[in-house]
Structures are given as C-alpha cells and as structure tokens.
Amino acid sequence: MNKSVLNKTIEKILPEILEGVKQNREANKTAVISGTRYTLPLKGRSIDIAYYPAEKKHAPLIVAAHGGGFLFGGCALDDELWVNMTKVLDVNVASIDYRQSPDVMDEECLNDLYDSILYLIGHSQEFGFDPNHVSVFGASAGGNLAAALAIKAGMTKAFRLDNQILMYPFLDGYTDPDEKGEGSFTGLLPHVMNRLHFSPERSDDPLLSPVFASVEMLKGLPAAIVSYCEYDNLRPEAQKYCQMLKEAGVPVAEFYAEKMPHGYIENGFKDHFSDIEMNMLGEHAKDLIESGQLHSTSLRTLEFIKDNMVRP
C-alpha cells in the first residue's frame, strides 16, 4: 500500500479506533480486580497503578507495563496475569497505568514508568517490598517500555534493576511495519500505532526503539528474559535484540513460544475473551484456547521466568 492510500485509510478508520480507545479506558477504570488500586502523585501528573502483594513480606517487586500498542490496555485489564505472576514468581507486582497515545507521544509514557519506579522505591515500606530487588516486565508495547527503561536506568544510575522481562517486545518503531514480514501483529493497527506514538524524526531514538541502542548503552544492563512467538512478525527484532544484549555482555534467557501468536500471555489465564482479544490471537485462537495450549504455554513461560530470574 503506497503512503498516500495508507494515510487516507488511516484517516478514515482513526475515529473508530479512538472511540475504541475511549471505551477501553473506561473499562480499565471500572474493572473489578484482585489487586488494589493506588494513585501515585508524580511531578506534574498523577499515575494510577494496580498493586498485587506477594504472600511473603519484603519480596521483590516487578513493575509491569501492559501491552496495547501505546493506545489500548490499562493497569487493571490483565488481572489474571498479575495474580498468577505473584503466585508463581513469589513477587509483588505493580501494574502501571502509564499515559498513552493520542494524549502523549515519544518518551512520555516511558517517563511515567520511570518516575513511578522512583516513587515506589521511595515508598517501599508502605507497599511492603524489598527496594533493593526491583525488576521490570513488559509485553508488546510494554516490552518496548521495559527495555527502554532498563537503558534509561543504566544511563541515569538512579536505581538498579535485577531483571528486564520482555514478552514479544515491540522494539523497532523506525522500520515500516509492512517490512516486518508475516505474523499476528500485522494490518493497519501497527501503522496507526507508529503514527500516533512516534515523532518521525525520533523513531530511531534508542529510548523509543531499543534495537538502535549502541553496545555501550547496553553494557551493564540487567539480565534479560525474552519470550518471542512462532506466529509473530515481531519475533526477528526480539531475536536481534537478544543478540545485541549478548554481545554487550548481558545475560539473556530466551523462551521460544511454539504455535503462539502475539499477545498470548496476557490472555493465557483468562476464562472469557473479547472480540478484540480473539482477533489479536489470530485464526487459531479457538483451537489454542480449547486445547489448553494457550494456558499451558503461558504457565510454562512464567515457570521459565522463575527459573531464570536474578533473585536475592
């Protein structure tokens, strides 16, 4: 599709997408969750989080960035995943409701995640976690933010992370989505996401597209645990980033999710699925759900994370 046709098509569908974004955010506000909602008073804005305490006191903290293409998703919409993470990994989980497009773009959502971690570490006693053992987790667009946050923390030295846990991360906002090959994360949505989130002149900034980070920027970063999917056109950039981290001396553990599409772990612990979720999981969604493969692979992924995490 040439750029002129693409732009006209995006303009035509954008109102419908933004209406979906509005509905998604309303659902995030009203969702009943197993965790506890808090509002963090950050400089110049407030950020909501959903907090899931570990069973034991002073356990490590995982700060989680949900997926959704910098447009959709919210801190309260992956409740089942966060509940299972606290149980399997023996950690506290703080899911961050970072600001998204079209309200903000570029690194503003990264700054929300970064500043939320600073706040949480400064109030660790109130939340009951060990401030010396914090990791970051992200899926898809959240994986972008988790990877970028590890880079930023390495630059500023404001805090130390034990692990960066990246689920099928979106790591390259510079390359045309149509050039990324076949997979479950295709169609118009990646184009809309890129258009609303990235300033064109900044799309290859390593804090926006981590695959453009230099070796020096990656040296000394926390251990990485990376999952990528068989049926996902983002798999090559995840594999590329794993190799980049290894070349910089960063320990990397890779999980290859066979037969899985983009978005599998957010849905792997759910009992009910929306039309949007079924569309994201792709043409084999029904088979993956009914056979139990979606759930079993999601559980194996958490077990893999547990086995490979740097822990106190």
Protein backbone atom coordinates (compact mmCIF):
# COMPACT_ATOMS: atom_id res chain seq x y z
CA MET A 1 0.00 0.00 0.00
CA ASN A 2 1.53 3.34 -1.02
CA LYS A 3 1.79 6.11 1.56
CA SER A 4 -0.98 8.25 0.09
CA VAL A 5 -3.50 5.40 0.19
CA LEU A 6 -2.26 4.34 3.63
CA ASN A 7 -2.69 7.82 5.07
CA LYS A 8 -6.21 8.15 3.64
CA THR A 9 -7.14 4.75 5.04
CA ILE A 10 -5.80 5.65 8.47
CA GLU A 11 -7.73 8.93 8.47
CA LYS A 12 -10.89 7.01 7.61
CA ILE A 13 -10.57 4.44 10.40
CA LEU A 14 -8.97 6.67 13.05
CA PRO A 15 -12.27 7.94 14.58
CA GLU A 16 -13.42 4.36 15.13
CA ILE A 17 -10.09 3.40 16.68
CA LEU A 18 -10.12 6.39 19.01
CA GLU A 19 -13.67 5.54 20.06
CA GLY A 20 -12.39 2.07 20.90
CA VAL A 21 -9.56 3.62 22.88
CA LYS A 22 -12.09 5.68 24.86
CA GLN A 23 -14.18 2.62 25.67
CA ASN A 24 -11.08 0.66 26.61
CA ARG A 25 -10.00 3.31 29.10
CA GLU A 26 -13.45 3.43 30.66
CA ALA A 27 -13.32 -0.35 31.07
CA ASN A 28 -9.92 -0.03 32.72
CA LYS A 29 -11.32 2.44 35.25
CA THR A 30 -14.28 0.26 36.23
CA ALA A 31 -12.75 -3.23 36.06
CA VAL A 32 -13.02 -5.29 39.24
CA ILE A 33 -9.55 -6.52 40.15
CA SER A 34 -7.91 -8.83 42.66
CA GLY A 35 -5.25 -6.25 43.46
CA THR A 36 -5.56 -2.80 45.00
CA ARG A 37 -5.73 0.45 43.08
CA TYR A 38 -3.48 3.34 44.11
CA THR A 39 -2.76 6.77 42.64
CA LEU A 40 0.85 7.91 42.64
CA PRO A 41 1.33 11.69 42.95
CA LEU A 42 4.14 12.29 40.48
CA LYS A 43 5.55 15.64 39.41
CA GLY A 44 3.03 17.40 37.18
CA ARG A 45 0.62 14.46 36.94
CA SER A 46 -0.81 11.51 38.83
CA ILE A 47 -0.49 7.90 37.69
CA ASP A 48 -2.80 5.06 38.67
CA ILE A 49 -1.45 1.62 39.44
CA ALA A 50 -2.86 -1.78 40.33
CA TYR A 51 -0.82 -3.42 43.08
CA TYR A 52 -0.68 -7.16 43.80
CA PRO A 53 1.14 -8.09 47.02
CA ALA A 54 3.22 -11.23 47.38
CA GLU A 55 2.33 -13.79 50.03
CA LYS A 56 5.59 -13.24 51.90
CA LYS A 57 6.78 -9.93 53.28
CA HIS A 58 9.55 -7.89 51.66
CA ALA A 59 9.53 -9.93 48.46
CA PRO A 60 10.98 -8.41 45.27
CA LEU A 61 8.88 -6.07 43.14
CA ILE A 62 8.10 -6.44 39.45
CA VAL A 63 6.96 -3.21 37.83
CA ALA A 64 4.75 -4.18 34.90
CA ALA A 65 3.97 -2.30 31.68
CA HIS A 66 0.91 -3.65 29.85
CA GLY A 67 0.68 -4.02 26.10
CA GLY A 68 -1.75 -2.39 23.69
CA GLY A 69 0.26 -0.58 21.04
CA PHE A 70 0.67 2.56 23.19
CA LEU A 71 -3.09 3.01 22.61
CA PHE A 72 -5.02 0.26 24.32
CA GLY A 73 -4.70 -1.67 27.55
CA GLY A 74 -4.54 -0.49 31.13
CA CYS A 75 -3.21 -1.33 34.56
CA ALA A 76 -6.38 -3.24 35.52
CA LEU A 77 -7.07 -5.21 32.33
CA ASP A 78 -4.58 -8.08 32.80
CA ASP A 79 -5.71 -9.00 36.30
CA GLU A 80 -5.40 -12.77 35.79
CA LEU A 81 -1.81 -12.44 34.58
CA TRP A 82 -0.71 -10.32 37.52
CA VAL A 83 -2.37 -12.69 40.01
CA ASN A 84 -0.55 -15.67 38.50
CA MET A 85 2.75 -13.78 38.40
CA THR A 86 2.60 -13.03 42.12
CA LYS A 87 1.92 -16.68 42.89
CA VAL A 88 4.35 -18.37 40.51
CA LEU A 89 7.23 -15.89 40.88
CA ASP A 90 6.74 -15.08 44.60
CA VAL A 91 6.87 -11.34 43.89
CA ASN A 92 4.85 -8.19 44.33
CA VAL A 93 3.51 -6.76 41.05
CA ALA A 94 2.80 -3.09 40.36
CA SER A 95 0.96 -2.62 37.05
CA ILE A 96 1.42 0.96 35.85
CA ASP A 97 -1.30 2.91 34.05
CA TYR A 98 1.13 4.99 32.00
CA ARG A 99 -0.29 7.70 29.73
CA GLN A 100 -0.80 6.68 26.12
CA SER A 101 -1.44 7.98 22.62
CA PRO A 102 -3.01 10.18 21.41
CA ASP A 103 -2.66 12.14 24.68
CA VAL A 104 1.13 11.83 24.73
CA MET A 105 3.82 10.54 22.41
CA ASP A 106 7.51 9.62 22.27
CA GLU A 107 9.07 9.07 25.71
CA GLU A 108 6.30 10.50 27.89
CA CYS A 109 4.91 7.05 28.72
CA LEU A 110 8.46 5.86 29.44
CA ASN A 111 8.85 8.78 31.84
CA ASP A 112 5.65 7.71 33.60
CA LEU A 113 7.07 4.24 34.14
CA TYR A 114 10.47 5.57 35.22
CA ASP A 115 9.05 8.12 37.68
CA SER A 116 6.61 5.55 39.07
CA ILE A 117 9.52 3.26 39.92
CA LEU A 118 11.31 6.10 41.67
CA TYR A 119 8.16 6.82 43.69
CA LEU A 120 7.58 3.18 44.57
CA ILE A 121 11.18 2.66 45.68
CA GLY A 122 10.89 5.77 47.86
CA HIS A 123 7.73 4.35 49.47
CA SER A 124 8.72 0.68 49.59
CA GLN A 125 7.85 0.30 53.26
CA GLU A 126 4.27 1.41 52.59
CA PHE A 127 3.91 -1.13 49.79
CA GLY A 128 5.86 -3.87 51.57
CA PHE A 129 8.51 -4.84 49.01
CA ASP A 130 12.30 -5.02 49.00
CA PRO A 131 13.53 -1.79 47.34
CA ASN A 132 16.89 -3.40 46.55
CA HIS A 133 15.30 -6.00 44.30
CA VAL A 134 13.16 -4.49 41.56
CA SER A 135 12.60 -5.85 38.06
CA VAL A 136 10.65 -4.56 35.08
CA PHE A 137 8.22 -6.58 32.95
CA GLY A 138 6.54 -5.62 29.72
CA ALA A 139 4.53 -7.22 26.91
CA SER A 140 4.47 -5.91 23.33
CA ALA A 141 4.47 -2.10 23.61
CA GLY A 142 5.09 -2.64 27.31
CA GLY A 143 8.12 -4.69 26.31
CA ASN A 144 9.37 -1.64 24.44
CA LEU A 145 8.97 0.42 27.60
CA ALA A 146 10.61 -2.21 29.80
CA ALA A 147 13.64 -2.45 27.51
CA ALA A 148 13.90 1.34 27.21
CA LEU A 149 13.55 1.74 30.96
CA ALA A 150 16.48 -0.61 31.53
CA ILE A 151 18.54 1.52 29.14
CA LYS A 152 17.49 4.77 30.82
CA ALA A 153 18.19 3.42 34.30
CA GLY A 154 21.62 2.35 33.07
CA MET A 155 22.24 5.90 31.88
CA THR A 156 20.99 7.72 34.99
CA LYS A 157 22.07 5.21 37.69
CA ALA A 158 19.04 6.41 39.71
CA PHE A 159 18.11 2.83 40.62
CA ARG A 160 19.22 -0.70 39.86
CA LEU A 161 17.12 -3.39 38.23
CA ASP A 162 17.58 -7.12 38.74
CA ASN A 163 15.82 -8.21 35.56
CA GLN A 164 14.23 -6.92 32.37
CA ILE A 165 11.48 -9.35 31.35
CA LEU A 166 10.34 -8.77 27.77
CA MET A 167 7.35 -10.57 26.28
CA TYR A 168 7.28 -10.42 22.45
CA PRO A 169 8.56 -6.83 22.68
CA PHE A 170 7.95 -4.18 20.06
CA LEU A 171 11.46 -2.78 19.70
CA ASP A 172 11.60 -1.01 16.34
CA GLY A 173 9.35 1.95 15.60
CA TYR A 174 11.50 3.10 12.70
CA THR A 175 11.04 0.24 10.24
CA ASP A 176 7.86 0.21 8.16
CA PRO A 177 5.51 -2.37 9.72
CA ASP A 178 4.85 -3.88 6.29
CA GLU A 179 8.55 -4.74 6.04
CA LYS A 180 8.50 -6.85 9.19
CA GLY A 181 7.09 -9.93 7.48
CA GLU A 182 4.09 -12.12 8.21
CA GLY A 183 2.69 -12.75 11.66
CA SER A 184 -0.11 -11.98 14.05
CA PHE A 185 0.83 -8.34 14.64
CA THR A 186 0.06 -7.03 11.16
CA GLY A 187 -2.55 -4.92 9.42
CA LEU A 188 -3.34 -1.25 9.88
CA LEU A 189 -3.01 -1.07 13.67
CA PRO A 190 0.83 -1.06 13.71
CA HIS A 191 0.75 1.85 11.24
CA VAL A 192 -1.72 3.75 13.44
CA MET A 193 0.40 2.99 16.50
CA ASN A 194 3.58 4.27 14.84
CA ARG A 195 1.85 7.40 13.57
CA LEU A 196 0.36 8.36 16.95
CA HIS A 197 3.25 7.35 19.20
CA PHE A 198 6.47 8.22 17.35
CA SER A 199 7.65 11.57 16.06
CA PRO A 200 9.13 10.55 12.68
CA GLU A 201 12.43 12.29 13.33
CA ARG A 202 12.83 10.45 16.65
CA SER A 203 11.61 6.97 15.78
CA ASP A 204 15.17 5.55 15.81
CA ASP A 205 15.99 7.01 19.23
CA PRO A 206 17.15 4.05 21.41
CA LEU A 207 14.77 5.13 24.19
CA LEU A 208 11.91 4.76 21.70
CA SER A 209 13.29 1.93 19.56
CA PRO A 210 15.79 -0.07 21.65
CA VAL A 211 17.15 -2.03 18.67
CA PHE A 212 19.06 1.15 17.78
CA ALA A 213 20.95 1.20 21.08
CA SER A 214 24.74 1.10 20.92
CA VAL A 215 26.83 -1.61 22.58
CA GLU A 216 27.98 0.94 25.14
CA MET A 217 24.39 1.76 26.06
CA LEU A 218 23.64 -1.93 26.64
CA LYS A 219 26.71 -2.83 28.68
CA GLY A 220 25.94 -3.48 32.33
CA LEU A 221 22.17 -3.69 31.85
CA PRO A 222 20.16 -6.12 33.98
CA ALA A 223 19.71 -9.75 32.98
CA ALA A 224 17.15 -10.18 30.24
CA ILE A 225 14.43 -12.80 29.92
CA VAL A 226 12.83 -12.60 26.49
CA SER A 227 9.87 -14.51 25.07
CA TYR A 228 9.08 -14.43 21.37
CA CYS A 229 6.36 -16.23 19.44
CA GLU A 230 6.35 -18.54 16.44
CA TYR A 231 3.45 -16.67 14.80
CA ASP A 232 4.58 -13.10 15.37
CA ASN A 233 6.23 -10.77 12.91
CA LEU A 234 7.96 -9.04 15.84
CA ARG A 235 9.99 -12.20 16.55
CA PRO A 236 13.00 -11.15 14.41
CA GLU A 237 13.50 -7.87 16.26
CA ALA A 238 13.26 -9.65 19.62
CA GLN A 239 15.87 -12.16 18.47
CA LYS A 240 18.05 -9.35 17.15
CA TYR A 241 17.85 -7.55 20.50
CA CYS A 242 18.78 -10.73 22.35
CA GLN A 243 21.91 -10.98 20.23
CA MET A 244 22.73 -7.31 20.82
CA LEU A 245 22.43 -7.79 24.58
CA LYS A 246 24.63 -10.88 24.48
CA GLU A 247 27.30 -9.02 22.51
CA ALA A 248 27.22 -6.34 25.22
CA GLY A 249 27.79 -8.99 27.90
CA VAL A 250 24.24 -9.02 29.28
CA PRO A 251 22.93 -12.42 30.43
CA VAL A 252 19.97 -13.42 28.24
CA ALA A 253 17.47 -16.27 28.61
CA GLU A 254 15.24 -16.85 25.57
CA PHE A 255 11.85 -18.58 25.53
CA TYR A 256 10.51 -19.64 22.14
CA ALA A 257 6.71 -19.86 22.36
CA GLU A 258 5.84 -22.50 19.77
CA LYS A 259 2.50 -22.14 17.98
CA MET A 260 1.81 -18.96 19.93
CA PRO A 261 0.65 -15.63 18.45
CA HIS A 262 1.42 -12.13 19.65
CA GLY A 263 -0.37 -11.37 22.93
CA TYR A 264 -0.55 -14.93 24.22
CA ILE A 265 0.48 -14.46 27.84
CA GLU A 266 -1.98 -11.63 28.60
CA ASN A 267 -4.77 -14.00 27.53
CA GLY A 268 -3.36 -17.28 28.75
CA PHE A 269 -5.03 -17.15 32.16
CA LYS A 270 -8.42 -15.80 31.11
CA ASP A 271 -11.73 -17.66 31.01
CA HIS A 272 -13.55 -15.20 28.76
CA PHE A 273 -12.30 -13.38 25.67
CA SER A 274 -13.48 -10.24 23.92
CA ASP A 275 -13.70 -9.97 20.14
CA ILE A 276 -10.61 -7.75 20.19
CA GLU A 277 -8.66 -10.38 22.14
CA MET A 278 -9.77 -13.15 19.80
CA ASN A 279 -8.75 -11.08 16.77
CA MET A 280 -5.34 -10.41 18.30
CA LEU A 281 -4.78 -14.12 18.94
CA GLY A 282 -5.49 -14.80 15.26
CA GLU A 283 -7.12 -17.52 13.22
CA HIS A 284 -6.10 -20.36 15.53
CA ALA A 285 -7.35 -18.66 18.70
CA LYS A 286 -10.26 -21.04 19.29
CA ASP A 287 -8.09 -24.13 18.91
CA LEU A 288 -5.38 -22.73 21.19
CA ILE A 289 -7.94 -21.94 23.89
CA GLU A 290 -9.98 -25.14 23.69
CA SER A 291 -6.91 -27.39 23.56
CA GLY A 292 -5.42 -25.69 26.61
CA GLN A 293 -2.22 -24.78 24.70
CA LEU A 294 -2.67 -21.06 25.36
CA HIS A 295 -2.87 -21.62 29.10
CA SER A 296 -0.13 -24.25 29.32
CA THR A 297 2.34 -22.18 27.30
CA SER A 298 1.59 -19.12 29.43
CA LEU A 299 2.19 -21.12 32.59
CA ARG A 300 5.43 -22.58 31.20
CA THR A 301 6.53 -19.05 30.37
CA LEU A 302 6.08 -17.98 34.00
CA GLU A 303 7.97 -21.07 35.16
CA PHE A 304 10.77 -20.20 32.72
CA ILE A 305 10.88 -16.66 34.10
CA LYS A 306 11.03 -18.04 37.65
CA ASP A 307 13.90 -20.38 36.76
CA ASN A 308 15.93 -17.63 35.07
CA MET A 309 15.28 -14.57 37.26
CA VAL A 310 18.12 -12.99 39.18
CA ARG A 311 16.84 -13.18 42.75
CA PRO A 312 18.01 -12.08 46.19
